[in-house]
Amino acid sequence: MVDADLLCRVGQSLFGERWQTDLSVLLGVNSRTMRRWASGQNETPPWLHERLVALINERQTALSDVLSHLTAKSSPDEGVRGSSSSGDIER
């Protein structure tokens, strides 16, 4: 079983501060159900642990792939090109 604190940490790590709706959609559960789990009002189902582990692994794999591409395309002499005073990133 996943306790409420761990569920909140996982949700925020995957989706940021407004994680409950995104995670509930991805898991196919009602957003009210997710809020009840997150508050500790209802216990989480047994299948949730395995599904969260799978989601974290998928995200980690995707981020590792993106990081590999970014680091392969950058060179030490590039500096900080693409930054602007407004903080926007050129694409």
N, C-alpha and C. Protein backbone atom coordinates (compact mmCIF):
# COMPACT_ATOMS: atom_id res chain seq x y z
N MET A 1 0.84 -1.18 0.00
CA MET A 1 0.00 0.00 0.00
C MET A 1 0.89 1.25 0.00
N VAL A 2 0.44 2.27 -0.68
CA VAL A 2 1.15 3.55 -0.75
C VAL A 2 0.46 4.51 0.21
N ASP A 3 1.24 5.07 1.16
CA ASP A 3 0.61 6.02 2.08
C ASP A 3 0.45 7.39 1.41
N ALA A 4 -0.34 8.25 2.02
CA ALA A 4 -0.69 9.55 1.43
C ALA A 4 0.53 10.42 1.18
N ASP A 5 1.47 10.43 2.13
CA ASP A 5 2.66 11.27 1.95
C ASP A 5 3.49 10.83 0.75
N LEU A 6 3.67 9.54 0.61
CA LEU A 6 4.44 9.02 -0.52
C LEU A 6 3.72 9.28 -1.84
N LEU A 7 2.42 9.10 -1.84
CA LEU A 7 1.63 9.38 -3.05
C LEU A 7 1.81 10.84 -3.46
N CYS A 8 1.76 11.74 -2.51
CA CYS A 8 1.94 13.18 -2.81
C CYS A 8 3.34 13.45 -3.35
N ARG A 9 4.35 12.83 -2.76
CA ARG A 9 5.72 13.02 -3.25
C ARG A 9 5.88 12.51 -4.67
N VAL A 10 5.32 11.35 -4.95
CA VAL A 10 5.40 10.78 -6.30
C VAL A 10 4.66 11.68 -7.28
N GLY A 11 3.44 12.07 -6.94
CA GLY A 11 2.65 12.92 -7.82
C GLY A 11 3.34 14.23 -8.13
N GLN A 12 3.88 14.89 -7.12
CA GLN A 12 4.57 16.15 -7.34
C GLN A 12 5.84 15.97 -8.16
N SER A 13 6.54 14.87 -7.93
CA SER A 13 7.76 14.61 -8.71
C SER A 13 7.45 14.36 -10.18
N LEU A 14 6.35 13.70 -10.44
CA LEU A 14 5.99 13.40 -11.83
C LEU A 14 5.34 14.57 -12.55
N PHE A 15 4.50 15.34 -11.84
CA PHE A 15 3.66 16.32 -12.52
C PHE A 15 3.72 17.74 -11.94
N GLY A 16 4.45 17.96 -10.87
CA GLY A 16 4.51 19.29 -10.28
C GLY A 16 3.39 19.51 -9.27
N GLU A 17 3.23 20.77 -8.88
CA GLU A 17 2.30 21.12 -7.80
C GLU A 17 0.84 20.74 -8.07
N ARG A 18 0.40 20.78 -9.30
CA ARG A 18 -1.00 20.46 -9.63
C ARG A 18 -1.08 19.05 -10.21
N TRP A 19 -0.60 18.10 -9.44
CA TRP A 19 -0.39 16.74 -9.91
C TRP A 19 -1.63 15.85 -9.86
N GLN A 20 -2.57 16.15 -9.00
CA GLN A 20 -3.66 15.20 -8.74
C GLN A 20 -4.50 14.88 -9.97
N THR A 21 -4.87 15.88 -10.73
CA THR A 21 -5.70 15.63 -11.91
C THR A 21 -4.91 14.84 -12.96
N ASP A 22 -3.66 15.25 -13.22
CA ASP A 22 -2.87 14.55 -14.23
C ASP A 22 -2.65 13.08 -13.87
N LEU A 23 -2.32 12.84 -12.62
CA LEU A 23 -2.08 11.46 -12.21
C LEU A 23 -3.38 10.65 -12.22
N SER A 24 -4.48 11.26 -11.81
CA SER A 24 -5.75 10.51 -11.81
C SER A 24 -6.15 10.13 -13.24
N VAL A 25 -5.95 11.04 -14.19
CA VAL A 25 -6.26 10.73 -15.59
C VAL A 25 -5.39 9.58 -16.08
N LEU A 26 -4.11 9.67 -15.79
CA LEU A 26 -3.18 8.63 -16.24
C LEU A 26 -3.50 7.27 -15.65
N LEU A 27 -3.96 7.26 -14.41
CA LEU A 27 -4.31 6.00 -13.75
C LEU A 27 -5.74 5.54 -14.03
N GLY A 28 -6.54 6.42 -14.63
CA GLY A 28 -7.92 6.07 -14.94
C GLY A 28 -8.83 6.05 -13.73
N VAL A 29 -8.54 6.94 -12.77
CA VAL A 29 -9.40 7.03 -11.59
C VAL A 29 -9.98 8.45 -11.51
N ASN A 30 -11.08 8.57 -10.80
CA ASN A 30 -11.72 9.86 -10.61
C ASN A 30 -10.81 10.77 -9.80
N SER A 31 -10.81 12.06 -10.14
CA SER A 31 -9.95 13.00 -9.42
C SER A 31 -10.34 13.11 -7.94
N ARG A 32 -11.61 12.90 -7.63
CA ARG A 32 -12.03 12.90 -6.22
C ARG A 32 -11.40 11.73 -5.46
N THR A 33 -11.33 10.61 -6.14
CA THR A 33 -10.67 9.44 -5.54
C THR A 33 -9.22 9.75 -5.24
N MET A 34 -8.54 10.40 -6.19
CA MET A 34 -7.14 10.76 -5.99
C MET A 34 -6.99 11.71 -4.80
N ARG A 35 -7.89 12.67 -4.68
CA ARG A 35 -7.83 13.61 -3.55
C ARG A 35 -8.04 12.88 -2.22
N ARG A 36 -8.92 11.91 -2.22
CA ARG A 36 -9.16 11.13 -0.99
C ARG A 36 -7.92 10.31 -0.62
N TRP A 37 -7.27 9.72 -1.61
CA TRP A 37 -6.03 9.00 -1.35
C TRP A 37 -4.96 9.95 -0.82
N ALA A 38 -4.83 11.10 -1.48
CA ALA A 38 -3.78 12.07 -1.12
C ALA A 38 -3.98 12.64 0.28
N SER A 39 -5.22 12.75 0.70
CA SER A 39 -5.50 13.29 2.03
C SER A 39 -5.42 12.22 3.12
N GLY A 40 -5.38 10.96 2.71
CA GLY A 40 -5.38 9.86 3.66
C GLY A 40 -6.78 9.46 4.09
N GLN A 41 -7.78 10.09 3.49
CA GLN A 41 -9.18 9.77 3.83
C GLN A 41 -9.52 8.33 3.44
N ASN A 42 -9.04 7.90 2.28
CA ASN A 42 -9.24 6.53 1.80
C ASN A 42 -7.89 5.87 1.61
N GLU A 43 -7.84 4.56 1.85
CA GLU A 43 -6.61 3.80 1.57
C GLU A 43 -6.44 3.64 0.07
N THR A 44 -5.19 3.56 -0.34
CA THR A 44 -4.90 3.32 -1.76
C THR A 44 -5.07 1.84 -2.06
N PRO A 45 -5.41 1.52 -3.30
CA PRO A 45 -5.59 0.10 -3.67
C PRO A 45 -4.24 -0.61 -3.80
N PRO A 46 -4.24 -1.92 -3.68
CA PRO A 46 -2.99 -2.69 -3.77
C PRO A 46 -2.23 -2.51 -5.09
N TRP A 47 -2.93 -2.29 -6.19
CA TRP A 47 -2.29 -2.18 -7.50
C TRP A 47 -1.53 -0.86 -7.69
N LEU A 48 -1.79 0.12 -6.86
CA LEU A 48 -1.22 1.45 -7.08
C LEU A 48 0.30 1.45 -6.96
N HIS A 49 0.84 0.72 -6.02
CA HIS A 49 2.30 0.69 -5.82
C HIS A 49 3.02 0.28 -7.10
N GLU A 50 2.58 -0.83 -7.67
CA GLU A 50 3.22 -1.34 -8.90
C GLU A 50 3.08 -0.34 -10.05
N ARG A 51 1.93 0.27 -10.16
CA ARG A 51 1.69 1.23 -11.26
C ARG A 51 2.55 2.48 -11.10
N LEU A 52 2.71 2.96 -9.87
CA LEU A 52 3.55 4.14 -9.63
C LEU A 52 5.02 3.84 -9.94
N VAL A 53 5.47 2.65 -9.55
CA VAL A 53 6.83 2.25 -9.87
C VAL A 53 7.04 2.24 -11.38
N ALA A 54 6.07 1.70 -12.12
CA ALA A 54 6.17 1.65 -13.58
C ALA A 54 6.20 3.07 -14.17
N LEU A 55 5.35 3.95 -13.66
CA LEU A 55 5.32 5.33 -14.17
C LEU A 55 6.64 6.05 -13.91
N ILE A 56 7.19 5.86 -12.72
CA ILE A 56 8.48 6.49 -12.40
C ILE A 56 9.57 5.95 -13.31
N ASN A 57 9.58 4.64 -13.53
CA ASN A 57 10.59 4.05 -14.42
C ASN A 57 10.45 4.57 -15.85
N GLU A 58 9.21 4.68 -16.32
CA GLU A 58 8.98 5.22 -17.67
C GLU A 58 9.49 6.65 -17.78
N ARG A 59 9.18 7.47 -16.79
CA ARG A 59 9.61 8.87 -16.81
C ARG A 59 11.13 8.97 -16.72
N GLN A 60 11.73 8.14 -15.87
CA GLN A 60 13.18 8.15 -15.71
C GLN A 60 13.87 7.75 -17.01
N THR A 61 13.33 6.75 -17.68
CA THR A 61 13.90 6.32 -18.97
C THR A 61 13.78 7.43 -20.01
N ALA A 62 12.62 8.06 -20.07
CA ALA A 62 12.42 9.15 -21.04
C ALA A 62 13.35 10.32 -20.75
N LEU A 63 13.48 10.68 -19.49
CA LEU A 63 14.37 11.80 -19.14
C LEU A 63 15.84 11.47 -19.40
N SER A 64 16.23 10.24 -19.13
CA SER A 64 17.60 9.82 -19.41
C SER A 64 17.91 9.91 -20.90
N ASP A 65 16.95 9.52 -21.71
CA ASP A 65 17.11 9.59 -23.16
C ASP A 65 17.27 11.04 -23.62
N VAL A 66 16.42 11.91 -23.11
CA VAL A 66 16.50 13.33 -23.47
C VAL A 66 17.82 13.92 -23.01
N LEU A 67 18.23 13.59 -21.79
CA LEU A 67 19.49 14.09 -21.27
C LEU A 67 20.67 13.64 -22.12
N SER A 68 20.64 12.39 -22.55
CA SER A 68 21.72 11.87 -23.42
C SER A 68 21.80 12.67 -24.71
N HIS A 69 20.65 12.98 -25.30
CA HIS A 69 20.64 13.75 -26.53
C HIS A 69 21.14 15.18 -26.29
N LEU A 70 20.73 15.76 -25.20
CA LEU A 70 21.16 17.12 -24.89
C LEU A 70 22.67 17.19 -24.65
N THR A 71 23.19 16.26 -23.88
CA THR A 71 24.61 16.30 -23.58
C THR A 71 25.45 15.92 -24.79
N ALA A 72 24.94 15.08 -25.67
CA ALA A 72 25.67 14.70 -26.87
C ALA A 72 25.76 15.86 -27.86
N LYS A 73 24.76 16.73 -27.87
CA LYS A 73 24.73 17.85 -28.81
C LYS A 73 25.38 19.11 -28.28
N SER A 74 25.73 19.13 -27.01
CA SER A 74 26.35 20.34 -26.47
C SER A 74 27.85 20.16 -26.42
N SER A 75 28.53 21.28 -26.47
CA SER A 75 29.98 21.25 -26.34
C SER A 75 30.38 22.26 -25.28
N PRO A 76 31.54 22.06 -24.66
CA PRO A 76 31.95 22.93 -23.56
C PRO A 76 32.08 24.40 -23.94
N ASP A 77 32.36 24.69 -25.23
CA ASP A 77 32.57 26.09 -25.62
C ASP A 77 31.29 26.80 -26.02
N GLU A 78 30.15 26.15 -25.91
CA GLU A 78 28.88 26.78 -26.29
C GLU A 78 28.45 27.87 -25.32
N GLY A 79 28.80 27.74 -24.07
CA GLY A 79 28.39 28.74 -23.09
C GLY A 79 26.91 28.69 -22.84
N VAL A 80 26.31 29.86 -22.66
CA VAL A 80 24.90 29.95 -22.32
C VAL A 80 24.16 30.63 -23.45
N ARG A 81 24.35 30.18 -24.66
CA ARG A 81 23.62 30.74 -25.78
C ARG A 81 22.15 30.42 -25.67
N GLY A 82 21.33 31.31 -26.18
CA GLY A 82 19.90 31.05 -26.19
C GLY A 82 19.19 31.62 -24.99
N SER A 83 19.91 32.18 -24.03
CA SER A 83 19.20 32.78 -22.90
C SER A 83 18.99 34.24 -23.18
N SER A 84 17.93 34.77 -22.64
CA SER A 84 17.60 36.17 -22.82
C SER A 84 17.34 36.79 -21.46
N SER A 85 17.26 38.09 -21.44
CA SER A 85 17.05 38.78 -20.17
C SER A 85 15.71 38.44 -19.55
N SER A 86 14.74 38.03 -20.35
CA SER A 86 13.41 37.69 -19.81
C SER A 86 13.35 36.26 -19.28
N GLY A 87 14.44 35.50 -19.49
CA GLY A 87 14.46 34.12 -18.99
C GLY A 87 13.88 33.14 -19.99
N ASP A 88 13.43 33.59 -21.16
CA ASP A 88 12.90 32.70 -22.18
C ASP A 88 14.02 31.94 -22.83
N ILE A 89 13.74 30.76 -23.28
CA ILE A 89 14.72 29.94 -23.97
C ILE A 89 14.40 29.97 -25.44
N GLU A 90 15.43 30.24 -26.26
CA GLU A 90 15.23 30.22 -27.70
C GLU A 90 15.06 28.79 -28.14
N ARG A 91 14.21 28.56 -29.11
CA ARG A 91 14.01 27.20 -29.64
C ARG A 91 14.33 27.17 -31.09
